[in-house]
C-alpha atoms as a PDB file:
ATOM      1  CA  MET A   1       0.000   0.000   0.000  1.00  0.00           C
ATOM      2  CA  LYS A   2       2.841   2.379   0.828  1.00  0.00           C
ATOM      3  CA  ARG A   3       4.406   1.659  -2.555  1.00  0.00           C
ATOM      4  CA  LEU A   4       1.161   2.540  -4.339  1.00  0.00           C
ATOM      5  CA  LEU A   5       0.975   5.866  -2.509  1.00  0.00           C
ATOM      6  CA  LEU A   6       4.599   6.585  -3.315  1.00  0.00           C
ATOM      7  CA  ILE A   7       4.069   5.743  -6.988  1.00  0.00           C
ATOM      8  CA  ALA A   8       0.911   7.883  -7.098  1.00  0.00           C
ATOM      9  CA  ALA A   9       2.773  10.833  -5.566  1.00  0.00           C
ATOM     10  CA  LEU A  10       5.630  10.429  -8.027  1.00  0.00           C
ATOM     11  CA  VAL A  11       3.260  10.284 -11.008  1.00  0.00           C
ATOM     12  CA  ALA A  12       1.394  13.373  -9.752  1.00  0.00           C
ATOM     13  CA  ALA A  13       4.668  15.272  -9.373  1.00  0.00           C
ATOM     14  CA  LEU A  14       5.690  14.417 -12.927  1.00  0.00           C
ATOM     15  CA  VAL A  15       2.293  15.082 -14.510  1.00  0.00           C
ATOM     16  CA  LEU A  16       1.322  18.339 -12.791  1.00  0.00           C
ATOM     17  CA  PRO A  17       2.811  21.521 -14.264  1.00  0.00           C
ATOM     18  CA  ALA A  18       5.889  22.925 -12.564  1.00  0.00           C
ATOM     19  CA  GLU A  19       4.047  26.242 -12.094  1.00  0.00           C
ATOM     20  CA  LEU A  20       1.915  24.644  -9.400  1.00  0.00           C
ATOM     21  CA  TRP A  21       5.023  24.070  -7.332  1.00  0.00           C
ATOM     22  CA  ALA A  22       6.706  27.390  -8.094  1.00  0.00           C
ATOM     23  CA  ALA A  23       7.137  30.094  -5.495  1.00  0.00           C
ATOM     24  CA  GLY A  24       6.278  33.674  -6.369  1.00  0.00           C
ATOM     25  CA  SER A  25       9.002  35.764  -7.952  1.00  0.00           C
ATOM     26  CA  CYS A  26       9.956  39.175  -9.297  1.00  0.00           C
ATOM     27  CA  SER A  27      12.246  40.041 -12.175  1.00  0.00           C
ATOM     28  CA  GLN A  28      13.670  43.535 -12.369  1.00  0.00           C
ATOM     29  CA  ALA A  29      14.971  46.006 -14.898  1.00  0.00           C
ATOM     30  CA  LEU A  30      16.468  49.487 -14.730  1.00  0.00           C
ATOM     31  CA  THR A  31      15.623  52.328 -17.117  1.00  0.00           C
ATOM     32  CA  ARG A  32      17.528  55.612 -17.375  1.00  0.00           C
ATOM     33  CA  ILE A  33      15.458  58.689 -18.214  1.00  0.00           C
ATOM     34  CA  GLY A  34      16.788  62.021 -19.418  1.00  0.00           C
ATOM     35  CA  TYR A  35      19.975  63.201 -21.061  1.00  0.00           C
ATOM     36  CA  GLN A  36      22.324  62.356 -18.206  1.00  0.00           C
ATOM     37  CA  GLY A  37      20.242  59.696 -16.502  1.00  0.00           C
ATOM     38  CA  ASN A  38      19.203  62.017 -13.682  1.00  0.00           C
ATOM     39  CA  VAL A  39      16.083  59.889 -13.242  1.00  0.00           C
ATOM     40  CA  LYS A  40      16.217  56.099 -13.019  1.00  0.00           C
ATOM     41  CA  VAL A  41      13.366  53.626 -12.673  1.00  0.00           C
ATOM     42  CA  VAL A  42      13.721  50.158 -11.190  1.00  0.00           C
ATOM     43  CA  LYS A  43      10.748  48.091 -12.350  1.00  0.00           C
ATOM     44  CA  PHE A  44       9.787  44.814 -10.651  1.00  0.00           C
ATOM     45  CA  LEU A  45       7.571  42.450 -12.676  1.00  0.00           C
ATOM     46  CA  CYS A  46       6.069  40.167 -10.045  1.00  0.00           C
ATOM     47  CA  THR A  47       4.132  36.921 -10.219  1.00  0.00           C
ATOM     48  CA  GLY A  48       2.536  35.657  -7.036  1.00  0.00           C
ATOM     49  CA  ASP A  49       2.962  32.119  -5.790  1.00  0.00           C
ATOM     50  CA  ALA A  50       0.608  29.582  -7.388  1.00  0.00           C
ATOM     51  CA  SER A  51      -0.605  28.365  -3.988  1.00  0.00           C
ATOM     52  CA  ASP A  52      -0.974  31.552  -1.932  1.00  0.00           C
ATOM     53  CA  GLY A  53      -0.139  34.585  -4.129  1.00  0.00           C
ATOM     54  CA  SER A  54       2.888  35.652  -2.108  1.00  0.00           C
ATOM     55  CA  ILE A  55       6.329  36.719  -3.321  1.00  0.00           C
ATOM     56  CA  PRO A  56       9.583  36.534  -1.371  1.00  0.00           C
ATOM     57  CA  ASN A  57      11.160  39.768  -0.172  1.00  0.00           C
ATOM     58  CA  THR A  58      13.194  40.904  -3.175  1.00  0.00           C
ATOM     59  CA  ALA A  59      16.327  43.055  -2.925  1.00  0.00           C
ATOM     60  CA  ILE A  60      17.250  45.443  -5.692  1.00  0.00           C
ATOM     61  CA  ALA A  61      19.919  43.640  -7.730  1.00  0.00           C
ATOM     62  CA  THR A  62      23.529  44.664  -7.102  1.00  0.00           C
ATOM     63  CA  ALA A  63      23.964  46.146 -10.603  1.00  0.00           C
ATOM     64  CA  ASN A  64      20.781  48.214 -10.200  1.00  0.00           C
ATOM     65  CA  MET A  65      21.781  49.320  -6.671  1.00  0.00           C
ATOM     66  CA  THR A  66      25.075  50.568  -8.076  1.00  0.00           C
ATOM     67  CA  GLU A  67      23.079  52.726 -10.502  1.00  0.00           C
ATOM     68  CA  VAL A  68      20.734  54.261  -7.898  1.00  0.00           C
ATOM     69  CA  LYS A  69      23.081  54.596  -4.911  1.00  0.00           C
ATOM     70  CA  GLY A  70      23.464  58.272  -4.035  1.00  0.00           C
ATOM     71  CA  MET A  71      20.113  59.175  -5.619  1.00  0.00           C
ATOM     72  CA  TYR A  72      16.834  59.894  -3.805  1.00  0.00           C
ATOM     73  CA  LEU A  73      13.768  57.672  -3.799  1.00  0.00           C
ATOM     74  CA  TYR A  74      11.135  59.868  -5.441  1.00  0.00           C
ATOM     75  CA  THR A  75       7.989  57.755  -5.928  1.00  0.00           C
ATOM     76  CA  VAL A  76       6.750  54.174  -5.712  1.00  0.00           C
ATOM     77  CA  SER A  77       3.967  52.959  -8.027  1.00  0.00           C
ATOM     78  CA  ALA A  78       2.069  49.696  -8.331  1.00  0.00           C
ATOM     79  CA  TYR A  79      -0.308  48.425 -11.007  1.00  0.00           C
ATOM     80  CA  PRO A  80      -1.585  45.161 -12.484  1.00  0.00           C
ATOM     81  CA  THR A  81       0.640  43.827 -15.255  1.00  0.00           C
ATOM     82  CA  SER A  82      -1.147  44.075 -18.596  1.00  0.00           C
ATOM     83  CA  GLY A  83      -2.439  40.716 -19.814  1.00  0.00           C
ATOM     84  CA  GLY A  84      -1.823  38.976 -16.492  1.00  0.00           C
ATOM     85  CA  THR A  85      -3.944  37.758 -13.608  1.00  0.00           C
ATOM     86  CA  ALA A  86      -5.231  40.747 -11.615  1.00  0.00           C
ATOM     87  CA  PRO A  87      -3.960  40.961  -8.031  1.00  0.00           C
ATOM     88  CA  ASP A  88      -6.073  41.793  -5.026  1.00  0.00           C
ATOM     89  CA  ALA A  89      -5.430  44.823  -2.805  1.00  0.00           C
ATOM     90  CA  ALA A  90      -2.060  44.423  -1.122  1.00  0.00           C
ATOM     91  CA  ASP A  91       0.480  46.380   0.889  1.00  0.00           C
ATOM     92  CA  VAL A  92       3.923  47.430  -0.350  1.00  0.00           C
ATOM     93  CA  PHE A  93       6.974  48.099   1.794  1.00  0.00           C
ATOM     94  CA  ILE A  94      10.367  49.419   0.679  1.00  0.00           C
ATOM     95  CA  LEU A  95      12.842  48.406   3.373  1.00  0.00           C
ATOM     96  CA  ASP A  96      16.326  49.868   3.733  1.00  0.00           C
ATOM     97  CA  ALA A  97      19.280  47.881   5.082  1.00  0.00           C
ATOM     98  CA  ALA A  98      18.359  48.814   8.674  1.00  0.00           C
ATOM     99  CA  GLY A  99      14.804  47.510   8.200  1.00  0.00           C
ATOM    100  CA  GLU A 100      13.105  50.921   8.075  1.00  0.00           C
ATOM    101  CA  ASP A 101      10.122  51.072   5.735  1.00  0.00           C
ATOM    102  CA  LEU A 102      10.592  54.076   3.448  1.00  0.00           C
ATOM    103  CA  LEU A 103       6.821  54.201   2.875  1.00  0.00           C
ATOM    104  CA  GLY A 104       6.168  54.908   6.535  1.00  0.00           C
ATOM    105  CA  SER A 105       5.197  51.831   8.508  1.00  0.00           C
ATOM    106  CA  ALA A 106       6.003  52.313  12.168  1.00  0.00           C
ATOM    107  CA  ASP A 107       7.083  48.737  12.723  1.00  0.00           C
ATOM    108  CA  GLY A 108       9.559  48.013   9.950  1.00  0.00           C
ATOM    109  CA  GLY A 109       7.276  46.448   7.378  1.00  0.00           C
ATOM    110  CA  THR A 110       4.428  44.756   9.199  1.00  0.00           C
ATOM    111  CA  THR A 111       1.698  47.411   9.149  1.00  0.00           C
ATOM    112  CA  ALA A 112       1.713  49.551   6.027  1.00  0.00           C
ATOM    113  CA  ASN A 113       1.208  53.311   6.039  1.00  0.00           C
ATOM    114  CA  LYS A 114       1.534  54.960   2.598  1.00  0.00           C
ATOM    115  CA  GLY A 115       2.113  51.530   1.078  1.00  0.00           C
ATOM    116  CA  ALA A 116      -1.238  50.241   2.378  1.00  0.00           C
ATOM    117  CA  ASN A 117      -3.346  48.920  -0.511  1.00  0.00           C
ATOM    118  CA  LEU A 118      -0.859  50.367  -2.994  1.00  0.00           C
ATOM    119  CA  ILE A 119      -1.455  47.309  -5.177  1.00  0.00           C
ATOM    120  CA  HIS A 120      -4.930  47.494  -6.728  1.00  0.00           C
ATOM    121  CA  ALA A 121      -6.765  45.051  -9.002  1.00  0.00           C
ATOM    122  CA  THR A 122      -7.302  47.522 -11.865  1.00  0.00           C
ATOM    123  CA  LEU A 123      -5.670  50.890 -11.111  1.00  0.00           C
ATOM    124  CA  LYS A 124      -2.180  52.323 -11.016  1.00  0.00           C
ATOM    125  CA  LYS A 125      -1.450  53.894  -7.628  1.00  0.00           C
ATOM    126  CA  THR A 126       1.553  56.048  -6.733  1.00  0.00           C
ATOM    127  CA  THR A 127       2.873  57.302  -3.414  1.00  0.00           C
ATOM    128  CA  LEU A 128       5.721  59.421  -2.142  1.00  0.00           C
ATOM    129  CA  PRO A 129       8.090  58.007   0.464  1.00  0.00           C
ATOM    130  CA  TYR A 130       6.853  58.852   3.935  1.00  0.00           C
ATOM    131  CA  SER A 131       8.557  59.126   7.304  1.00  0.00           C
ATOM    132  CA  TYR A 132       6.566  57.801  10.216  1.00  0.00           C
ATOM    133  CA  TYR A 133       8.855  59.682  12.606  1.00  0.00           C
ATOM    134  CA  LEU A 134       8.714  63.004  10.751  1.00  0.00           C
ATOM    135  CA  SER A 135       4.993  62.509   9.970  1.00  0.00           C
ATOM    136  CA  GLN A 136       5.485  63.817   6.453  1.00  0.00           C
ATOM    137  CA  ALA A 137       6.578  62.918   2.954  1.00  0.00           C
ATOM    138  CA  TYR A 138      10.313  63.058   2.300  1.00  0.00           C
ATOM    139  CA  PHE A 139      12.850  61.894  -0.263  1.00  0.00           C
ATOM    140  CA  PRO A 140      15.342  59.538   1.387  1.00  0.00           C
ATOM    141  CA  ALA A 141      18.860  59.316   0.031  1.00  0.00           C
ATOM    142  CA  VAL A 142      19.732  55.809  -1.106  1.00  0.00           C
ATOM    143  CA  THR A 143      22.867  54.864   0.805  1.00  0.00           C
ATOM    144  CA  SER A 144      22.397  51.106   1.156  1.00  0.00           C
ATOM    145  CA  GLY A 145      20.453  48.212  -0.293  1.00  0.00           C
ATOM    146  CA  LEU A 146      16.667  48.363  -0.653  1.00  0.00           C
ATOM    147  CA  THR A 147      14.242  45.452  -0.487  1.00  0.00           C
ATOM    148  CA  LEU A 148      10.716  45.168  -1.877  1.00  0.00           C
ATOM    149  CA  LYS A 149       8.231  43.439   0.425  1.00  0.00           C
ATOM    150  CA  VAL A 150       4.573  42.745  -0.417  1.00  0.00           C
ATOM    151  CA  SER A 151       2.004  41.609   2.151  1.00  0.00           C
ATOM    152  CA  ASN A 152      -1.623  40.506   1.956  1.00  0.00           C
ATOM    153  CA  GLN A 153      -1.605  39.649  -1.765  1.00  0.00           C
ATOM    154  CA  ALA A 154      -3.482  36.358  -1.914  1.00  0.00           C
ATOM    155  CA  THR A 155      -4.553  35.971  -5.541  1.00  0.00           C
ATOM    156  CA  HIS A 156      -2.868  32.847  -6.888  1.00  0.00           C
ATOM    157  CA  SER A 157      -0.365  33.595  -9.696  1.00  0.00           C
ATOM    158  CA  ALA A 158      -1.290  37.300  -9.721  1.00  0.00           C
ATOM    159  CA  ASN A 159       0.799  39.546 -11.992  1.00  0.00           C
ATOM    160  CA  TYR A 160       1.666  43.082 -10.933  1.00  0.00           C
ATOM    161  CA  THR A 161       4.359  45.671 -11.472  1.00  0.00           C
ATOM    162  CA  ILE A 162       6.099  47.821  -8.850  1.00  0.00           C
ATOM    163  CA  GLU A 163       8.114  50.831 -10.022  1.00  0.00           C
ATOM    164  CA  MET A 164      10.579  52.754  -7.875  1.00  0.00           C
ATOM    165  CA  VAL A 165      11.600  56.116  -9.338  1.00  0.00           C
ATOM    166  CA  PHE A 166      14.918  57.612  -8.229  1.00  0.00           C
ATOM    167  CA  ALA A 167      16.127  61.167  -8.922  1.00  0.00           C
ATOM    168  CA  ARG A 168      19.206  63.298  -8.283  1.00  0.00           C
END
């Protein structure tokens, strides 16, 4: 009986598509805007996990960090990826190396402030960075690595885009 169960599990693993076992992921690309590249956009194309819609926390790639280090985070936008599965409302956090959320959560990326419901099923939404401690919008200098974190996105295999705009 144990052999039959083992064989059935093996057959199921081989027959079912790999996407059902895949964890969520984000790819990223950098775009330079303007004559001297005074504005740069890091775009994350994300696909939620097939079982629960989540993505792992995703650091800006080393090559992209080299490009944006010394600039200021100007805006963060989120929108459904065209032609993909629409996401549900979800929270976005941009964490610096010390764990501070640059969108203003008071607890380092658990409860969203300006990133709350930034991901929408049909609309593009944009926010400025926000300081919980200053209680106002600000433009933080990028001096260390940044990490994208998304919470409460539960649509299986949802496709959405997060854009971080940096300026000098």
